[in-house]
């Protein structure tokens, strides 16, 4: 299996960094790791796909399912991606309209955070 999964907490948000191929063989592990975060109450997720080299329909299904699960628990899931091949999969399927896709983790973490009030 060519897949790496790491996570880091940033306040109330959790960044899950995926690397390698997300396909029929590795998607169950991705599902399991994202479910662990959601079950633990970490429902404001940023999934970093920057180092993902391949994403098939099974992987897309896992991401859609986790997005729905996070939303039912009052959370959200943003994606980070820059690889043209991976982004093309979202565009072809129309899922680029369903997911917020950011160019870097910093902008994904900043999204949805109310700006500090200025006096």
PDB file of N, CA and C in Angstrom:
ATOM      1  N   UNK A   1       0.847  -1.190   0.000  1.00  0.00           N
ATOM      2  CA  UNK A   1       0.000   0.000   0.000  1.00  0.00           C
ATOM      3  C   UNK A   1       0.883   1.240   0.000  1.00  0.00           C
ATOM      4  N   UNK A   2       0.654   2.081  -0.960  1.00  0.00           N
ATOM      5  CA  UNK A   2       1.407   3.320  -1.066  1.00  0.00           C
ATOM      6  C   UNK A   2       0.556   4.449  -0.517  1.00  0.00           C
ATOM      7  N   UNK A   3       0.535   4.569   0.828  1.00  0.00           N
ATOM      8  CA  UNK A   3      -0.304   5.580   1.464  1.00  0.00           C
ATOM      9  C   UNK A   3       0.314   5.994   2.782  1.00  0.00           C
ATOM     10  N   UNK A   4       0.328   7.299   3.024  1.00  0.00           N
ATOM     11  CA  UNK A   4       0.740   7.800   4.333  1.00  0.00           C
ATOM     12  C   UNK A   4      -0.380   8.675   4.875  1.00  0.00           C
ATOM     13  N   UNK A   5      -0.592   8.591   6.192  1.00  0.00           N
ATOM     14  CA  UNK A   5      -1.628   9.376   6.851  1.00  0.00           C
ATOM     15  C   UNK A   5      -1.048   9.930   8.148  1.00  0.00           C
ATOM     16  N   UNK A   6      -1.087  11.241   8.290  1.00  0.00           N
ATOM     17  CA  UNK A   6      -0.685  11.881   9.540  1.00  0.00           C
ATOM     18  C   UNK A   6      -1.754  12.903   9.888  1.00  0.00           C
ATOM     19  N   UNK A   7      -1.766  13.318  11.158  1.00  0.00           N
ATOM     20  CA  UNK A   7      -2.729  14.348  11.551  1.00  0.00           C
ATOM     21  C   UNK A   7      -2.075  15.317  12.515  1.00  0.00           C
ATOM     22  N   UNK A   8      -2.612  16.521  12.517  1.00  0.00           N
ATOM     23  CA  UNK A   8      -2.141  17.558  13.429  1.00  0.00           C
ATOM     24  C   UNK A   8      -3.336  18.410  13.818  1.00  0.00           C
ATOM     25  N   UNK A   9      -3.428  18.719  15.097  1.00  0.00           N
ATOM     26  CA  UNK A   9      -4.517  19.568  15.573  1.00  0.00           C
ATOM     27  C   UNK A   9      -4.082  21.030  15.549  1.00  0.00           C
ATOM     28  N   UNK A  10      -4.987  21.870  15.104  1.00  0.00           N
ATOM     29  CA  UNK A  10      -4.781  23.319  15.073  1.00  0.00           C
ATOM     30  C   UNK A  10      -5.984  23.930  15.779  1.00  0.00           C
ATOM     31  N   UNK A  11      -5.912  24.039  17.081  1.00  0.00           N
ATOM     32  CA  UNK A  11      -7.066  24.516  17.841  1.00  0.00           C
ATOM     33  C   UNK A  11      -8.187  23.504  17.719  1.00  0.00           C
ATOM     34  N   UNK A  12      -9.363  23.998  17.276  1.00  0.00           N
ATOM     35  CA  UNK A  12     -10.525  23.121  17.107  1.00  0.00           C
ATOM     36  C   UNK A  12     -10.492  22.349  15.796  1.00  0.00           C
ATOM     37  N   UNK A  13      -9.540  22.658  14.963  1.00  0.00           N
ATOM     38  CA  UNK A  13      -9.483  22.019  13.643  1.00  0.00           C
ATOM     39  C   UNK A  13      -8.403  20.948  13.610  1.00  0.00           C
ATOM     40  N   UNK A  14      -8.659  19.931  12.821  1.00  0.00           N
ATOM     41  CA  UNK A  14      -7.708  18.840  12.642  1.00  0.00           C
ATOM     42  C   UNK A  14      -7.337  18.747  11.178  1.00  0.00           C
ATOM     43  N   UNK A  15      -6.030  18.739  10.922  1.00  0.00           N
ATOM     44  CA  UNK A  15      -5.534  18.557   9.562  1.00  0.00           C
ATOM     45  C   UNK A  15      -5.103  17.105   9.423  1.00  0.00           C
ATOM     46  N   UNK A  16      -5.693  16.416   8.462  1.00  0.00           N
ATOM     47  CA  UNK A  16      -5.299  15.046   8.139  1.00  0.00           C
ATOM     48  C   UNK A  16      -4.566  15.117   6.807  1.00  0.00           C
ATOM     49  N   UNK A  17      -3.284  14.763   6.841  1.00  0.00           N
ATOM     50  CA  UNK A  17      -2.445  14.829   5.639  1.00  0.00           C
ATOM     51  C   UNK A  17      -2.364  13.439   5.023  1.00  0.00           C
ATOM     52  N   UNK A  18      -2.770  13.352   3.769  1.00  0.00           N
ATOM     53  CA  UNK A  18      -2.721  12.084   3.046  1.00  0.00           C
ATOM     54  C   UNK A  18      -1.659  12.180   1.964  1.00  0.00           C
ATOM     55  N   UNK A  19      -0.952  11.097   1.772  1.00  0.00           N
ATOM     56  CA  UNK A  19       0.051  11.053   0.719  1.00  0.00           C
ATOM     57  C   UNK A  19       0.026   9.708   0.022  1.00  0.00           C
ATOM     58  N   UNK A  20       0.298   9.710  -1.274  1.00  0.00           N
ATOM     59  CA  UNK A  20       0.324   8.465  -2.033  1.00  0.00           C
ATOM     60  C   UNK A  20      -0.943   8.272  -2.830  1.00  0.00           C
ATOM     61  N   UNK A  21      -1.341   7.008  -2.954  1.00  0.00           N
ATOM     62  CA  UNK A  21      -2.494   6.668  -3.781  1.00  0.00           C
ATOM     63  C   UNK A  21      -3.711   6.338  -2.920  1.00  0.00           C
ATOM     64  N   UNK A  22      -4.838   6.920  -3.280  1.00  0.00           N
ATOM     65  CA  UNK A  22      -6.097   6.601  -2.610  1.00  0.00           C
ATOM     66  C   UNK A  22      -6.956   5.872  -3.630  1.00  0.00           C
ATOM     67  N   UNK A  23      -7.044   4.571  -3.450  1.00  0.00           N
ATOM     68  CA  UNK A  23      -7.760   3.732  -4.407  1.00  0.00           C
ATOM     69  C   UNK A  23      -8.544   2.658  -3.663  1.00  0.00           C
ATOM     70  N   UNK A  24      -9.034   1.681  -4.391  1.00  0.00           N
ATOM     71  CA  UNK A  24      -9.876   0.637  -3.808  1.00  0.00           C
ATOM     72  C   UNK A  24      -9.155  -0.097  -2.671  1.00  0.00           C
ATOM     73  N   UNK A  25      -7.816  -0.138  -2.713  1.00  0.00           N
ATOM     74  CA  UNK A  25      -7.058  -0.850  -1.687  1.00  0.00           C
ATOM     75  C   UNK A  25      -6.791  -0.005  -0.444  1.00  0.00           C
ATOM     76  N   UNK A  26      -6.565   1.289  -0.637  1.00  0.00           N
ATOM     77  CA  UNK A  26      -6.198   2.148   0.489  1.00  0.00           C
ATOM     78  C   UNK A  26      -7.368   2.950   1.054  1.00  0.00           C
ATOM     79  N   UNK A  27      -8.451   3.080   0.288  1.00  0.00           N
ATOM     80  CA  UNK A  27      -9.606   3.881   0.736  1.00  0.00           C
ATOM     81  C   UNK A  27     -10.178   3.420   2.077  1.00  0.00           C
ATOM     82  N   UNK A  28     -10.249   2.092   2.355  1.00  0.00           N
ATOM     83  CA  UNK A  28     -10.773   1.694   3.670  1.00  0.00           C
ATOM     84  C   UNK A  28      -9.954   2.237   4.840  1.00  0.00           C
ATOM     85  N   UNK A  29      -8.650   2.342   4.678  1.00  0.00           N
ATOM     86  CA  UNK A  29      -7.809   2.896   5.738  1.00  0.00           C
ATOM     87  C   UNK A  29      -8.062   4.394   5.892  1.00  0.00           C
ATOM     88  N   UNK A  30      -8.232   5.093   4.778  1.00  0.00           N
ATOM     89  CA  UNK A  30      -8.551   6.523   4.833  1.00  0.00           C
ATOM     90  C   UNK A  30      -9.881   6.713   5.556  1.00  0.00           C
ATOM     91  N   UNK A  31     -10.880   5.896   5.206  1.00  0.00           N
ATOM     92  CA  UNK A  31     -12.184   5.969   5.867  1.00  0.00           C
ATOM     93  C   UNK A  31     -12.037   5.761   7.374  1.00  0.00           C
ATOM     94  N   UNK A  32     -11.292   4.731   7.741  1.00  0.00           N
ATOM     95  CA  UNK A  32     -11.104   4.402   9.161  1.00  0.00           C
ATOM     96  C   UNK A  32     -10.454   5.561   9.914  1.00  0.00           C
ATOM     97  N   UNK A  33      -9.411   6.156   9.349  1.00  0.00           N
ATOM     98  CA  UNK A  33      -8.692   7.235  10.036  1.00  0.00           C
ATOM     99  C   UNK A  33      -9.539   8.506  10.134  1.00  0.00           C
ATOM    100  N   UNK A  34     -10.289   8.822   9.087  1.00  0.00           N
ATOM    101  CA  UNK A  34     -11.158   9.998   9.158  1.00  0.00           C
ATOM    102  C   UNK A  34     -12.310   9.754  10.131  1.00  0.00           C
ATOM    103  N   UNK A  35     -12.857   8.544  10.116  1.00  0.00           N
ATOM    104  CA  UNK A  35     -13.925   8.202  11.073  1.00  0.00           C
ATOM    105  C   UNK A  35     -13.443   8.322  12.510  1.00  0.00           C
ATOM    106  N   UNK A  36     -12.207   7.909  12.776  1.00  0.00           N
ATOM    107  CA  UNK A  36     -11.652   8.027  14.136  1.00  0.00           C
ATOM    108  C   UNK A  36     -11.689   9.474  14.605  1.00  0.00           C
ATOM    109  N   UNK A  37     -11.318  10.399  13.714  1.00  0.00           N
ATOM    110  CA  UNK A  37     -11.319  11.815  14.080  1.00  0.00           C
ATOM    111  C   UNK A  37     -12.741  12.300  14.358  1.00  0.00           C
ATOM    112  N   UNK A  38     -13.659  11.954  13.476  1.00  0.00           N
ATOM    113  CA  UNK A  38     -15.047  12.409  13.621  1.00  0.00           C
ATOM    114  C   UNK A  38     -15.674  11.806  14.876  1.00  0.00           C
ATOM    115  N   UNK A  39     -15.449  10.518  15.118  1.00  0.00           N
ATOM    116  CA  UNK A  39     -15.996   9.854  16.312  1.00  0.00           C
ATOM    117  C   UNK A  39     -15.440  10.483  17.589  1.00  0.00           C
ATOM    118  N   UNK A  40     -14.205  10.991  17.513  1.00  0.00           N
ATOM    119  CA  UNK A  40     -13.577  11.619  18.683  1.00  0.00           C
ATOM    120  C   UNK A  40     -14.036  13.065  18.860  1.00  0.00           C
ATOM    121  N   UNK A  41     -14.954  13.519  17.998  1.00  0.00           N
ATOM    122  CA  UNK A  41     -15.473  14.878  18.127  1.00  0.00           C
ATOM    123  C   UNK A  41     -14.686  15.905  17.334  1.00  0.00           C
ATOM    124  N   UNK A  42     -13.693  15.470  16.569  1.00  0.00           N
ATOM    125  CA  UNK A  42     -12.898  16.377  15.734  1.00  0.00           C
ATOM    126  C   UNK A  42     -13.598  16.484  14.381  1.00  0.00           C
ATOM    127  N   UNK A  43     -14.668  17.288  14.343  1.00  0.00           N
ATOM    128  CA  UNK A  43     -15.521  17.327  13.151  1.00  0.00           C
ATOM    129  C   UNK A  43     -15.203  18.497  12.223  1.00  0.00           C
ATOM    130  N   UNK A  44     -14.261  19.350  12.592  1.00  0.00           N
ATOM    131  CA  UNK A  44     -13.843  20.437  11.714  1.00  0.00           C
ATOM    132  C   UNK A  44     -12.521  20.007  11.092  1.00  0.00           C
ATOM    133  N   UNK A  45     -12.628  19.360   9.922  1.00  0.00           N
ATOM    134  CA  UNK A  45     -11.477  18.710   9.312  1.00  0.00           C
ATOM    135  C   UNK A  45     -10.950  19.451   8.091  1.00  0.00           C
ATOM    136  N   UNK A  46      -9.642  19.415   7.954  1.00  0.00           N
ATOM    137  CA  UNK A  46      -8.976  19.831   6.729  1.00  0.00           C
ATOM    138  C   UNK A  46      -8.228  18.598   6.246  1.00  0.00           C
ATOM    139  N   UNK A  47      -8.563  18.126   5.055  1.00  0.00           N
ATOM    140  CA  UNK A  47      -7.896  16.958   4.487  1.00  0.00           C
ATOM    141  C   UNK A  47      -6.927  17.451   3.420  1.00  0.00           C
ATOM    142  N   UNK A  48      -5.643  17.265   3.704  1.00  0.00           N
ATOM    143  CA  UNK A  48      -4.583  17.747   2.826  1.00  0.00           C
ATOM    144  C   UNK A  48      -4.231  16.664   1.807  1.00  0.00           C
ATOM    145  N   UNK A  49      -4.587  16.929   0.549  1.00  0.00           N
ATOM    146  CA  UNK A  49      -4.332  15.988  -0.538  1.00  0.00           C
ATOM    147  C   UNK A  49      -3.119  16.401  -1.371  1.00  0.00           C
ATOM    148  N   UNK A  50      -2.311  17.326  -0.862  1.00  0.00           N
ATOM    149  CA  UNK A  50      -1.187  17.865  -1.623  1.00  0.00           C
ATOM    150  C   UNK A  50      -0.258  16.765  -2.135  1.00  0.00           C
ATOM    151  N   UNK A  51      -0.016  15.739  -1.321  1.00  0.00           N
ATOM    152  CA  UNK A  51       0.914  14.676  -1.711  1.00  0.00           C
ATOM    153  C   UNK A  51       0.211  13.428  -2.242  1.00  0.00           C
ATOM    154  N   UNK A  52      -1.081  13.558  -2.557  1.00  0.00           N
ATOM    155  CA  UNK A  52      -1.805  12.436  -3.164  1.00  0.00           C
ATOM    156  C   UNK A  52      -1.476  12.414  -4.648  1.00  0.00           C
ATOM    157  N   UNK A  53      -1.044  11.239  -5.128  1.00  0.00           N
ATOM    158  CA  UNK A  53      -0.635  11.110  -6.530  1.00  0.00           C
ATOM    159  C   UNK A  53      -1.713  10.468  -7.393  1.00  0.00           C
ATOM    160  N   UNK A  54      -2.699   9.829  -6.742  1.00  0.00           N
ATOM    161  CA  UNK A  54      -3.768   9.158  -7.488  1.00  0.00           C
ATOM    162  C   UNK A  54      -4.996   9.086  -6.607  1.00  0.00           C
ATOM    163  N   UNK A  55      -6.163   9.348  -7.193  1.00  0.00           N
ATOM    164  CA  UNK A  55      -7.421   9.286  -6.456  1.00  0.00           C
ATOM    165  C   UNK A  55      -8.465   8.680  -7.387  1.00  0.00           C
ATOM    166  N   UNK A  56      -9.043   7.538  -6.977  1.00  0.00           N
ATOM    167  CA  UNK A  56     -10.071   6.920  -7.816  1.00  0.00           C
ATOM    168  C   UNK A  56     -11.454   7.132  -7.220  1.00  0.00           C
ATOM    169  N   UNK A  57     -12.459   6.536  -7.864  1.00  0.00           N
ATOM    170  CA  UNK A  57     -13.842   6.751  -7.435  1.00  0.00           C
ATOM    171  C   UNK A  57     -14.092   6.227  -6.029  1.00  0.00           C
ATOM    172  N   UNK A  58     -13.388   5.181  -5.627  1.00  0.00           N
ATOM    173  CA  UNK A  58     -13.554   4.671  -4.264  1.00  0.00           C
ATOM    174  C   UNK A  58     -13.081   5.712  -3.253  1.00  0.00           C
ATOM    175  N   UNK A  59     -11.951   6.330  -3.544  1.00  0.00           N
ATOM    176  CA  UNK A  59     -11.434   7.389  -2.674  1.00  0.00           C
ATOM    177  C   UNK A  59     -12.364   8.582  -2.622  1.00  0.00           C
ATOM    178  N   UNK A  60     -12.917   8.950  -3.779  1.00  0.00           N
ATOM    179  CA  UNK A  60     -13.887  10.048  -3.807  1.00  0.00           C
ATOM    180  C   UNK A  60     -15.092   9.722  -2.936  1.00  0.00           C
ATOM    181  N   UNK A  61     -15.561   8.478  -3.033  1.00  0.00           N
ATOM    182  CA  UNK A  61     -16.712   8.055  -2.236  1.00  0.00           C
ATOM    183  C   UNK A  61     -16.452   8.179  -0.749  1.00  0.00           C
ATOM    184  N   UNK A  62     -15.234   7.822  -0.342  1.00  0.00           N
ATOM    185  CA  UNK A  62     -14.865   7.948   1.077  1.00  0.00           C
ATOM    186  C   UNK A  62     -14.903   9.414   1.499  1.00  0.00           C
ATOM    187  N   UNK A  63     -14.346  10.296   0.683  1.00  0.00           N
ATOM    188  CA  UNK A  63     -14.326  11.722   1.031  1.00  0.00           C
ATOM    189  C   UNK A  63     -15.733  12.295   1.104  1.00  0.00           C
ATOM    190  N   UNK A  64     -16.591  11.937   0.152  1.00  0.00           N
ATOM    191  CA  UNK A  64     -17.978  12.416   0.176  1.00  0.00           C
ATOM    192  C   UNK A  64     -18.691  11.908   1.427  1.00  0.00           C
ATOM    193  N   UNK A  65     -18.504  10.652   1.750  1.00  0.00           N
ATOM    194  CA  UNK A  65     -19.138  10.068   2.932  1.00  0.00           C
ATOM    195  C   UNK A  65     -18.692  10.726   4.222  1.00  0.00           C
ATOM    196  N   UNK A  66     -17.400  11.033   4.322  1.00  0.00           N
ATOM    197  CA  UNK A  66     -16.882  11.675   5.546  1.00  0.00           C
ATOM    198  C   UNK A  66     -17.362  13.116   5.620  1.00  0.00           C
ATOM    199  N   UNK A  67     -17.500  13.785   4.470  1.00  0.00           N
ATOM    200  CA  UNK A  67     -18.047  15.140   4.466  1.00  0.00           C
ATOM    201  C   UNK A  67     -19.466  15.127   5.022  1.00  0.00           C
ATOM    202  N   UNK A  68     -20.277  14.200   4.548  1.00  0.00           N
ATOM    203  CA  UNK A  68     -21.661  14.089   5.036  1.00  0.00           C
ATOM    204  C   UNK A  68     -21.691  13.791   6.525  1.00  0.00           C
ATOM    205  N   UNK A  69     -20.830  12.868   6.971  1.00  0.00           N
ATOM    206  CA  UNK A  69     -20.792  12.507   8.386  1.00  0.00           C
ATOM    207  C   UNK A  69     -20.381  13.699   9.247  1.00  0.00           C
ATOM    208  N   UNK A  70     -19.355  14.421   8.816  1.00  0.00           N
ATOM    209  CA  UNK A  70     -18.915  15.599   9.577  1.00  0.00           C
ATOM    210  C   UNK A  70     -20.031  16.632   9.656  1.00  0.00           C
ATOM    211  N   UNK A  71     -20.732  16.845   8.536  1.00  0.00           N
ATOM    212  CA  UNK A  71     -21.818  17.839   8.518  1.00  0.00           C
ATOM    213  C   UNK A  71     -22.972  17.430   9.423  1.00  0.00           C
ATOM    214  N   UNK A  72     -23.289  16.137   9.494  1.00  0.00           N
ATOM    215  CA  UNK A  72     -24.389  15.710  10.367  1.00  0.00           C
ATOM    216  C   UNK A  72     -24.042  15.926  11.830  1.00  0.00           C
ATOM    217  N   UNK A  73     -22.770  16.082  12.115  1.00  0.00           N
ATOM    218  CA  UNK A  73     -22.328  16.324  13.494  1.00  0.00           C
ATOM    219  C   UNK A  73     -21.963  17.789  13.720  1.00  0.00           C
ATOM    220  N   UNK A  74     -22.417  18.649  12.818  1.00  0.00           N
ATOM    221  CA  UNK A  74     -22.195  20.085  12.973  1.00  0.00           C
ATOM    222  C   UNK A  74     -20.819  20.547  12.537  1.00  0.00           C
ATOM    223  N   UNK A  75     -20.096  19.709  11.827  1.00  0.00           N
ATOM    224  CA  UNK A  75     -18.744  20.060  11.418  1.00  0.00           C
ATOM    225  C   UNK A  75     -18.645  20.390   9.944  1.00  0.00           C
ATOM    226  N   UNK A  76     -17.415  20.365   9.471  1.00  0.00           N
ATOM    227  CA  UNK A  76     -17.146  20.659   8.062  1.00  0.00           C
ATOM    228  C   UNK A  76     -15.889  19.902   7.646  1.00  0.00           C
ATOM    229  N   UNK A  77     -15.681  19.842   6.348  1.00  0.00           N
ATOM    230  CA  UNK A  77     -14.460  19.242   5.841  1.00  0.00           C
ATOM    231  C   UNK A  77     -14.020  20.028   4.617  1.00  0.00           C
ATOM    232  N   UNK A  78     -12.833  20.582   4.710  1.00  0.00           N
ATOM    233  CA  UNK A  78     -12.242  21.312   3.592  1.00  0.00           C
ATOM    234  C   UNK A  78     -11.090  20.478   3.036  1.00  0.00           C
ATOM    235  N   UNK A  79     -10.840  20.634   1.755  1.00  0.00           N
ATOM    236  CA  UNK A  79      -9.752  19.904   1.120  1.00  0.00           C
ATOM    237  C   UNK A  79      -8.653  20.871   0.706  1.00  0.00           C
ATOM    238  N   UNK A  80      -7.429  20.349   0.669  1.00  0.00           N
ATOM    239  CA  UNK A  80      -6.288  21.092   0.162  1.00  0.00           C
ATOM    240  C   UNK A  80      -5.704  20.263  -0.970  1.00  0.00           C
ATOM    241  N   UNK A  81      -5.536  20.890  -2.118  1.00  0.00           N
ATOM    242  CA  UNK A  81      -4.964  20.151  -3.236  1.00  0.00           C
ATOM    243  C   UNK A  81      -4.431  21.060  -4.305  1.00  0.00           C
ATOM    244  N   UNK A  82      -3.342  20.614  -4.943  1.00  0.00           N
ATOM    245  CA  UNK A  82      -2.742  21.393  -6.026  1.00  0.00           C
ATOM    246  C   UNK A  82      -2.416  20.529  -7.238  1.00  0.00           C
ATOM    247  N   UNK A  83      -2.453  19.211  -7.093  1.00  0.00           N
ATOM    248  CA  UNK A  83      -2.101  18.318  -8.191  1.00  0.00           C
ATOM    249  C   UNK A  83      -3.200  18.357  -9.246  1.00  0.00           C
ATOM    250  N   UNK A  84      -2.825  18.695 -10.472  1.00  0.00           N
ATOM    251  CA  UNK A  84      -3.812  18.833 -11.549  1.00  0.00           C
ATOM    252  C   UNK A  84      -4.601  17.555 -11.793  1.00  0.00           C
ATOM    253  N   UNK A  85      -3.931  16.404 -11.700  1.00  0.00           N
ATOM    254  CA  UNK A  85      -4.634  15.136 -11.952  1.00  0.00           C
ATOM    255  C   UNK A  85      -5.697  14.878 -10.886  1.00  0.00           C
ATOM    256  N   UNK A  86      -5.372  15.183  -9.646  1.00  0.00           N
ATOM    257  CA  UNK A  86      -6.337  14.985  -8.557  1.00  0.00           C
ATOM    258  C   UNK A  86      -7.467  16.009  -8.658  1.00  0.00           C
ATOM    259  N   UNK A  87      -7.125  17.254  -8.900  1.00  0.00           N
ATOM    260  CA  UNK A  87      -8.147  18.299  -9.014  1.00  0.00           C
ATOM    261  C   UNK A  87      -9.077  18.040 -10.198  1.00  0.00           C
ATOM    262  N   UNK A  88      -8.548  17.466 -11.267  1.00  0.00           N
ATOM    263  CA  UNK A  88      -9.355  17.167 -12.448  1.00  0.00           C
ATOM    264  C   UNK A  88     -10.459  16.162 -12.119  1.00  0.00           C
ATOM    265  N   UNK A  89     -10.160  15.207 -11.230  1.00  0.00           N
ATOM    266  CA  UNK A  89     -11.165  14.218 -10.814  1.00  0.00           C
ATOM    267  C   UNK A  89     -12.342  14.928 -10.142  1.00  0.00           C
ATOM    268  N   UNK A  90     -12.048  15.923  -9.314  1.00  0.00           N
ATOM    269  CA  UNK A  90     -13.121  16.680  -8.657  1.00  0.00           C
ATOM    270  C   UNK A  90     -13.909  17.498  -9.685  1.00  0.00           C
ATOM    271  N   UNK A  91     -13.209  18.082 -10.642  1.00  0.00           N
ATOM    272  CA  UNK A  91     -13.880  18.903 -11.654  1.00  0.00           C
ATOM    273  C   UNK A  91     -14.776  18.054 -12.558  1.00  0.00           C
ATOM    274  N   UNK A  92     -14.272  16.910 -12.999  1.00  0.00           N
ATOM    275  CA  UNK A  92     -15.037  16.042 -13.906  1.00  0.00           C
ATOM    276  C   UNK A  92     -16.315  15.542 -13.238  1.00  0.00           C
ATOM    277  N   UNK A  93     -16.223  15.228 -11.951  1.00  0.00           N
ATOM    278  CA  UNK A  93     -17.375  14.671 -11.235  1.00  0.00           C
ATOM    279  C   UNK A  93     -18.307  15.747 -10.683  1.00  0.00           C
ATOM    280  N   UNK A  94     -17.887  17.009 -10.773  1.00  0.00           N
ATOM    281  CA  UNK A  94     -18.699  18.089 -10.216  1.00  0.00           C
ATOM    282  C   UNK A  94     -18.514  18.261  -8.720  1.00  0.00           C
ATOM    283  N   UNK A  95     -17.636  17.458  -8.133  1.00  0.00           N
ATOM    284  CA  UNK A  95     -17.431  17.545  -6.687  1.00  0.00           C
ATOM    285  C   UNK A  95     -16.633  18.784  -6.274  1.00  0.00           C
ATOM    286  N   UNK A  96     -16.068  19.483  -7.250  1.00  0.00           N
ATOM    287  CA  UNK A  96     -15.418  20.749  -6.928  1.00  0.00           C
ATOM    288  C   UNK A  96     -16.447  21.798  -6.496  1.00  0.00           C
ATOM    289  N   UNK A  97     -17.741  21.515  -6.763  1.00  0.00           N
ATOM    290  CA  UNK A  97     -18.822  22.404  -6.311  1.00  0.00           C
ATOM    291  C   UNK A  97     -19.329  21.994  -4.921  1.00  0.00           C
ATOM    292  N   UNK A  98     -18.993  20.769  -4.508  1.00  0.00           N
ATOM    293  CA  UNK A  98     -19.449  20.236  -3.221  1.00  0.00           C
ATOM    294  C   UNK A  98     -18.424  20.528  -2.123  1.00  0.00           C
ATOM    295  N   UNK A  99     -17.165  20.354  -2.468  1.00  0.00           N
ATOM    296  CA  UNK A  99     -16.077  20.565  -1.502  1.00  0.00           C
ATOM    297  C   UNK A  99     -15.479  21.950  -1.659  1.00  0.00           C
ATOM    298  N   UNK A 100     -15.063  22.514  -0.521  1.00  0.00           N
ATOM    299  CA  UNK A 100     -14.206  23.702  -0.559  1.00  0.00           C
ATOM    300  C   UNK A 100     -12.802  23.165  -0.774  1.00  0.00           C
ATOM    301  N   UNK A 101     -12.161  23.558  -1.875  1.00  0.00           N
ATOM    302  CA  UNK A 101     -10.807  23.095  -2.166  1.00  0.00           C
ATOM    303  C   UNK A 101      -9.874  24.296  -2.142  1.00  0.00           C
ATOM    304  N   UNK A 102      -8.855  24.218  -1.303  1.00  0.00           N
ATOM    305  CA  UNK A 102      -7.922  25.318  -1.095  1.00  0.00           C
ATOM    306  C   UNK A 102      -6.541  24.959  -1.626  1.00  0.00           C
ATOM    307  N   UNK A 103      -5.748  25.977  -1.975  1.00  0.00           N
ATOM    308  CA  UNK A 103      -4.408  25.706  -2.504  1.00  0.00           C
ATOM    309  C   UNK A 103      -3.371  25.355  -1.437  1.00  0.00           C
ATOM    310  N   UNK A 104      -3.660  25.679  -0.171  1.00  0.00           N
ATOM    311  CA  UNK A 104      -2.707  25.360   0.893  1.00  0.00           C
ATOM    312  C   UNK A 104      -3.449  25.216   2.226  1.00  0.00           C
ATOM    313  N   UNK A 105      -2.776  24.590   3.174  1.00  0.00           N
ATOM    314  CA  UNK A 105      -3.385  24.318   4.478  1.00  0.00           C
ATOM    315  C   UNK A 105      -3.748  25.616   5.193  1.00  0.00           C
ATOM    316  N   UNK A 106      -2.906  26.631   5.073  1.00  0.00           N
ATOM    317  CA  UNK A 106      -3.151  27.891   5.778  1.00  0.00           C
ATOM    318  C   UNK A 106      -4.473  28.517   5.355  1.00  0.00           C
ATOM    319  N   UNK A 107      -4.747  28.543   4.054  1.00  0.00           N
ATOM    320  CA  UNK A 107      -6.006  29.156   3.603  1.00  0.00           C
ATOM    321  C   UNK A 107      -7.202  28.297   3.998  1.00  0.00           C
ATOM    322  N   UNK A 108      -7.019  26.974   4.028  1.00  0.00           N
ATOM    323  CA  UNK A 108      -8.113  26.101   4.465  1.00  0.00           C
ATOM    324  C   UNK A 108      -8.411  26.309   5.939  1.00  0.00           C
ATOM    325  N   UNK A 109      -7.362  26.473   6.747  1.00  0.00           N
ATOM    326  CA  UNK A 109      -7.568  26.718   8.177  1.00  0.00           C
ATOM    327  C   UNK A 109      -8.205  28.083   8.412  1.00  0.00           C
ATOM    328  N   UNK A 110      -7.863  29.067   7.597  1.00  0.00           N
ATOM    329  CA  UNK A 110      -8.393  30.419   7.767  1.00  0.00           C
ATOM    330  C   UNK A 110      -9.848  30.519   7.295  1.00  0.00           C
ATOM    331  N   UNK A 111     -10.253  29.641   6.393  1.00  0.00           N
ATOM    332  CA  UNK A 111     -11.609  29.694   5.849  1.00  0.00           C
ATOM    333  C   UNK A 111     -12.632  29.446   6.938  1.00  0.00           C
ATOM    334  N   UNK A 112     -13.632  30.270   6.973  1.00  0.00           N
ATOM    335  CA  UNK A 112     -14.706  30.065   7.934  1.00  0.00           C
ATOM    336  C   UNK A 112     -14.413  30.643   9.308  1.00  0.00           C
ATOM    337  N   UNK A 113     -13.208  31.149   9.512  1.00  0.00           N
ATOM    338  CA  UNK A 113     -12.881  31.755  10.794  1.00  0.00           C
ATOM    339  C   UNK A 113     -13.212  33.237  10.698  1.00  0.00           C
ATOM    340  N   UNK A 114     -14.011  33.705  11.628  1.00  0.00           N
ATOM    341  CA  UNK A 114     -14.408  35.112  11.610  1.00  0.00           C
ATOM    342  C   UNK A 114     -13.170  35.984  11.822  1.00  0.00           C
ATOM    343  N   UNK A 115     -13.009  37.025  11.016  1.00  0.00           N
ATOM    344  CA  UNK A 115     -11.859  37.908  11.220  1.00  0.00           C
ATOM    345  C   UNK A 115     -11.983  38.625  12.560  1.00  0.00           C
ATOM    346  N   UNK A 116     -10.842  38.915  13.125  1.00  0.00           N
ATOM    347  CA  UNK A 116     -10.825  39.612  14.423  1.00  0.00           C
ATOM    348  C   UNK A 116     -11.456  40.992  14.235  1.00  0.00           C
ATOM    349  N   UNK A 117     -12.235  41.386  15.230  1.00  0.00           N
ATOM    350  CA  UNK A 117     -12.895  42.688  15.155  1.00  0.00           C
ATOM    351  C   UNK A 117     -11.863  43.793  15.261  1.00  0.00           C
ATOM    352  N   UNK A 118     -12.039  44.802  14.464  1.00  0.00           N
ATOM    353  CA  UNK A 118     -11.131  45.955  14.539  1.00  0.00           C
ATOM    354  C   UNK A 118     -11.879  47.123  15.150  1.00  0.00           C
ATOM    355  N   UNK A 119     -11.175  47.851  15.957  1.00  0.00           N
ATOM    356  CA  UNK A 119     -11.805  49.009  16.620  1.00  0.00           C
ATOM    357  C   UNK A 119     -11.421  50.285  15.957  1.00  0.00           C
TER     358      UNK A 119
END
